[in-house]
Amino acid sequence: MGLYKEINFCGIFLAPFFLCLLIAGILYMPLHWCCDRFEIERWFWNRPVLEAALLIILLRLVSFIL
C-alpha cells in the first residue's frame, strides 16, 4: 500500500486494512460457495480452520496487490 493513508468514508476515517478486509471478504464468498458445492471440507479435519485459513490467505494476497 505504499504510504499509509486513511480512507475517508462519510466523515469516518478508516484504515487501509479495512479496505483489504472488505475485498478479501467479497472474494471469500464465492470460494465458500465452491467449497460447499464440491464438498471440499471432507478432506479437512476442521471446517472452521479451513475457512479461516482461506480468509487469511485472501487477505494477504489482497494486501500484496494493493
N, C-alpha and C. Protein backbone atom coordinates (compact mmCIF):
# COMPACT_ATOMS: atom_id res chain seq x y z
N MET A 1 0.80 -1.18 0.00
CA MET A 1 0.00 0.00 0.00
C MET A 1 0.85 1.25 0.00
N GLY A 2 2.12 1.09 -0.03
CA GLY A 2 2.97 2.26 -0.11
C GLY A 2 2.86 3.14 1.11
N LEU A 3 2.29 4.31 0.93
CA LEU A 3 2.11 5.23 2.05
C LEU A 3 0.83 4.89 2.80
N TYR A 4 0.86 5.05 4.09
CA TYR A 4 -0.30 4.77 4.94
C TYR A 4 -1.24 5.97 4.87
N LYS A 5 -2.36 5.81 4.19
CA LYS A 5 -3.34 6.89 4.09
C LYS A 5 -4.70 6.36 4.52
N GLU A 6 -5.36 7.14 5.32
CA GLU A 6 -6.69 6.75 5.76
C GLU A 6 -7.69 6.96 4.63
N ILE A 7 -8.77 6.20 4.69
CA ILE A 7 -9.86 6.31 3.74
C ILE A 7 -10.98 7.08 4.42
N ASN A 8 -11.41 8.16 3.80
CA ASN A 8 -12.49 8.97 4.36
C ASN A 8 -13.81 8.48 3.79
N PHE A 9 -14.63 7.88 4.65
CA PHE A 9 -15.93 7.37 4.22
C PHE A 9 -17.00 8.08 5.04
N CYS A 10 -17.65 9.06 4.44
CA CYS A 10 -18.72 9.84 5.08
C CYS A 10 -18.25 10.46 6.41
N GLY A 11 -17.05 10.96 6.43
CA GLY A 11 -16.53 11.60 7.62
C GLY A 11 -15.91 10.65 8.63
N ILE A 12 -15.89 9.38 8.33
CA ILE A 12 -15.27 8.39 9.22
C ILE A 12 -13.97 7.95 8.57
N PHE A 13 -12.87 8.10 9.28
CA PHE A 13 -11.58 7.71 8.75
C PHE A 13 -11.35 6.22 9.04
N LEU A 14 -11.09 5.48 7.97
CA LEU A 14 -10.87 4.04 8.07
C LEU A 14 -9.44 3.71 7.67
N ALA A 15 -8.87 2.73 8.32
CA ALA A 15 -7.52 2.28 7.97
C ALA A 15 -7.56 1.54 6.64
N PRO A 16 -6.46 1.56 5.89
CA PRO A 16 -6.43 0.82 4.62
C PRO A 16 -6.64 -0.69 4.81
N PHE A 17 -6.32 -1.18 6.00
CA PHE A 17 -6.55 -2.59 6.28
C PHE A 17 -8.03 -2.94 6.16
N PHE A 18 -8.90 -2.01 6.49
CA PHE A 18 -10.34 -2.25 6.38
C PHE A 18 -10.73 -2.50 4.94
N LEU A 19 -10.15 -1.74 4.01
CA LEU A 19 -10.44 -1.94 2.59
C LEU A 19 -9.95 -3.30 2.13
N CYS A 20 -8.76 -3.71 2.58
CA CYS A 20 -8.24 -5.04 2.25
C CYS A 20 -9.16 -6.12 2.81
N LEU A 21 -9.62 -5.95 4.03
CA LEU A 21 -10.50 -6.92 4.66
C LEU A 21 -11.84 -7.01 3.93
N LEU A 22 -12.35 -5.89 3.47
CA LEU A 22 -13.61 -5.87 2.72
C LEU A 22 -13.47 -6.60 1.39
N ILE A 23 -12.39 -6.34 0.67
CA ILE A 23 -12.17 -7.00 -0.62
C ILE A 23 -11.96 -8.50 -0.42
N ALA A 24 -11.19 -8.88 0.60
CA ALA A 24 -10.97 -10.29 0.87
C ALA A 24 -12.28 -10.99 1.24
N GLY A 25 -13.13 -10.30 1.99
CA GLY A 25 -14.43 -10.88 2.34
C GLY A 25 -15.31 -11.09 1.14
N ILE A 26 -15.27 -10.15 0.20
CA ILE A 26 -16.06 -10.29 -1.03
C ILE A 26 -15.52 -11.43 -1.89
N LEU A 27 -14.19 -11.58 -1.95
CA LEU A 27 -13.60 -12.67 -2.71
C LEU A 27 -13.81 -14.02 -2.02
N TYR A 28 -13.97 -14.00 -0.72
CA TYR A 28 -14.15 -15.24 0.04
C TYR A 28 -15.51 -15.88 -0.21
N MET A 29 -16.54 -15.06 -0.45
CA MET A 29 -17.89 -15.60 -0.61
C MET A 29 -18.01 -16.63 -1.72
N PRO A 30 -17.52 -16.37 -2.95
CA PRO A 30 -17.62 -17.42 -3.98
C PRO A 30 -16.78 -18.66 -3.65
N LEU A 31 -15.62 -18.47 -2.99
CA LEU A 31 -14.82 -19.63 -2.60
C LEU A 31 -15.55 -20.49 -1.58
N HIS A 32 -16.22 -19.84 -0.66
CA HIS A 32 -17.00 -20.56 0.35
C HIS A 32 -18.12 -21.36 -0.33
N TRP A 33 -18.77 -20.73 -1.31
CA TRP A 33 -19.83 -21.41 -2.04
C TRP A 33 -19.28 -22.62 -2.79
N CYS A 34 -18.11 -22.45 -3.43
CA CYS A 34 -17.50 -23.58 -4.16
C CYS A 34 -17.11 -24.71 -3.22
N CYS A 35 -16.60 -24.36 -2.04
CA CYS A 35 -16.25 -25.40 -1.06
C CYS A 35 -17.50 -26.17 -0.63
N ASP A 36 -18.61 -25.49 -0.47
CA ASP A 36 -19.86 -26.17 -0.13
C ASP A 36 -20.36 -27.02 -1.30
N ARG A 37 -20.28 -26.46 -2.49
CA ARG A 37 -20.81 -27.14 -3.67
C ARG A 37 -20.06 -28.43 -3.97
N PHE A 38 -18.73 -28.39 -3.88
CA PHE A 38 -17.92 -29.56 -4.21
C PHE A 38 -17.48 -30.35 -2.99
N GLU A 39 -18.02 -30.00 -1.83
CA GLU A 39 -17.76 -30.70 -0.56
C GLU A 39 -16.26 -30.87 -0.29
N ILE A 40 -15.53 -29.78 -0.40
CA ILE A 40 -14.09 -29.78 -0.17
C ILE A 40 -13.77 -30.07 1.30
N GLU A 41 -14.66 -29.69 2.20
CA GLU A 41 -14.37 -29.83 3.63
C GLU A 41 -14.22 -31.29 4.08
N ARG A 42 -14.64 -32.23 3.27
CA ARG A 42 -14.49 -33.64 3.67
C ARG A 42 -13.03 -34.07 3.73
N TRP A 43 -12.14 -33.31 3.06
CA TRP A 43 -10.72 -33.63 3.09
C TRP A 43 -9.97 -32.96 4.23
N PHE A 44 -10.69 -32.14 5.01
CA PHE A 44 -10.06 -31.39 6.10
C PHE A 44 -10.68 -31.81 7.43
N TRP A 45 -9.87 -31.73 8.46
CA TRP A 45 -10.30 -32.18 9.77
C TRP A 45 -11.30 -31.22 10.41
N ASN A 46 -11.05 -29.94 10.25
CA ASN A 46 -11.86 -28.93 10.94
C ASN A 46 -12.26 -27.85 9.94
N ARG A 47 -13.55 -27.75 9.65
CA ARG A 47 -14.02 -26.80 8.64
C ARG A 47 -13.78 -25.34 9.02
N PRO A 48 -14.01 -24.92 10.27
CA PRO A 48 -13.75 -23.51 10.60
C PRO A 48 -12.28 -23.12 10.42
N VAL A 49 -11.37 -24.06 10.66
CA VAL A 49 -9.95 -23.76 10.45
C VAL A 49 -9.68 -23.57 8.96
N LEU A 50 -10.30 -24.39 8.12
CA LEU A 50 -10.17 -24.25 6.67
C LEU A 50 -10.67 -22.89 6.21
N GLU A 51 -11.84 -22.48 6.70
CA GLU A 51 -12.41 -21.21 6.29
C GLU A 51 -11.58 -20.03 6.77
N ALA A 52 -11.07 -20.11 7.98
CA ALA A 52 -10.21 -19.04 8.50
C ALA A 52 -8.92 -18.97 7.69
N ALA A 53 -8.35 -20.11 7.34
CA ALA A 53 -7.12 -20.12 6.55
C ALA A 53 -7.36 -19.52 5.17
N LEU A 54 -8.48 -19.85 4.54
CA LEU A 54 -8.81 -19.26 3.24
C LEU A 54 -8.93 -17.74 3.33
N LEU A 55 -9.60 -17.26 4.36
CA LEU A 55 -9.76 -15.82 4.52
C LEU A 55 -8.42 -15.13 4.76
N ILE A 56 -7.56 -15.74 5.55
CA ILE A 56 -6.25 -15.14 5.82
C ILE A 56 -5.39 -15.14 4.57
N ILE A 57 -5.45 -16.21 3.79
CA ILE A 57 -4.69 -16.25 2.53
C ILE A 57 -5.18 -15.18 1.57
N LEU A 58 -6.49 -15.04 1.45
CA LEU A 58 -7.03 -14.00 0.58
C LEU A 58 -6.66 -12.61 1.07
N LEU A 59 -6.72 -12.41 2.36
CA LEU A 59 -6.37 -11.11 2.93
C LEU A 59 -4.92 -10.76 2.63
N ARG A 60 -4.05 -11.71 2.73
CA ARG A 60 -2.63 -11.46 2.45
C ARG A 60 -2.41 -11.18 0.96
N LEU A 61 -3.09 -11.91 0.08
CA LEU A 61 -2.95 -11.66 -1.35
C LEU A 61 -3.47 -10.28 -1.72
N VAL A 62 -4.59 -9.88 -1.15
CA VAL A 62 -5.14 -8.55 -1.43
C VAL A 62 -4.20 -7.47 -0.93
N SER A 63 -3.61 -7.67 0.24
CA SER A 63 -2.70 -6.64 0.76
C SER A 63 -1.44 -6.56 -0.08
N PHE A 64 -0.99 -7.67 -0.67
CA PHE A 64 0.16 -7.61 -1.58
C PHE A 64 -0.19 -6.84 -2.85
N ILE A 65 -1.39 -7.06 -3.37
CA ILE A 65 -1.80 -6.41 -4.62
C ILE A 65 -2.00 -4.91 -4.42
N LEU A 66 -2.65 -4.55 -3.31
CA LEU A 66 -2.88 -3.13 -3.08
C LEU A 66 -1.63 -2.52 -2.52
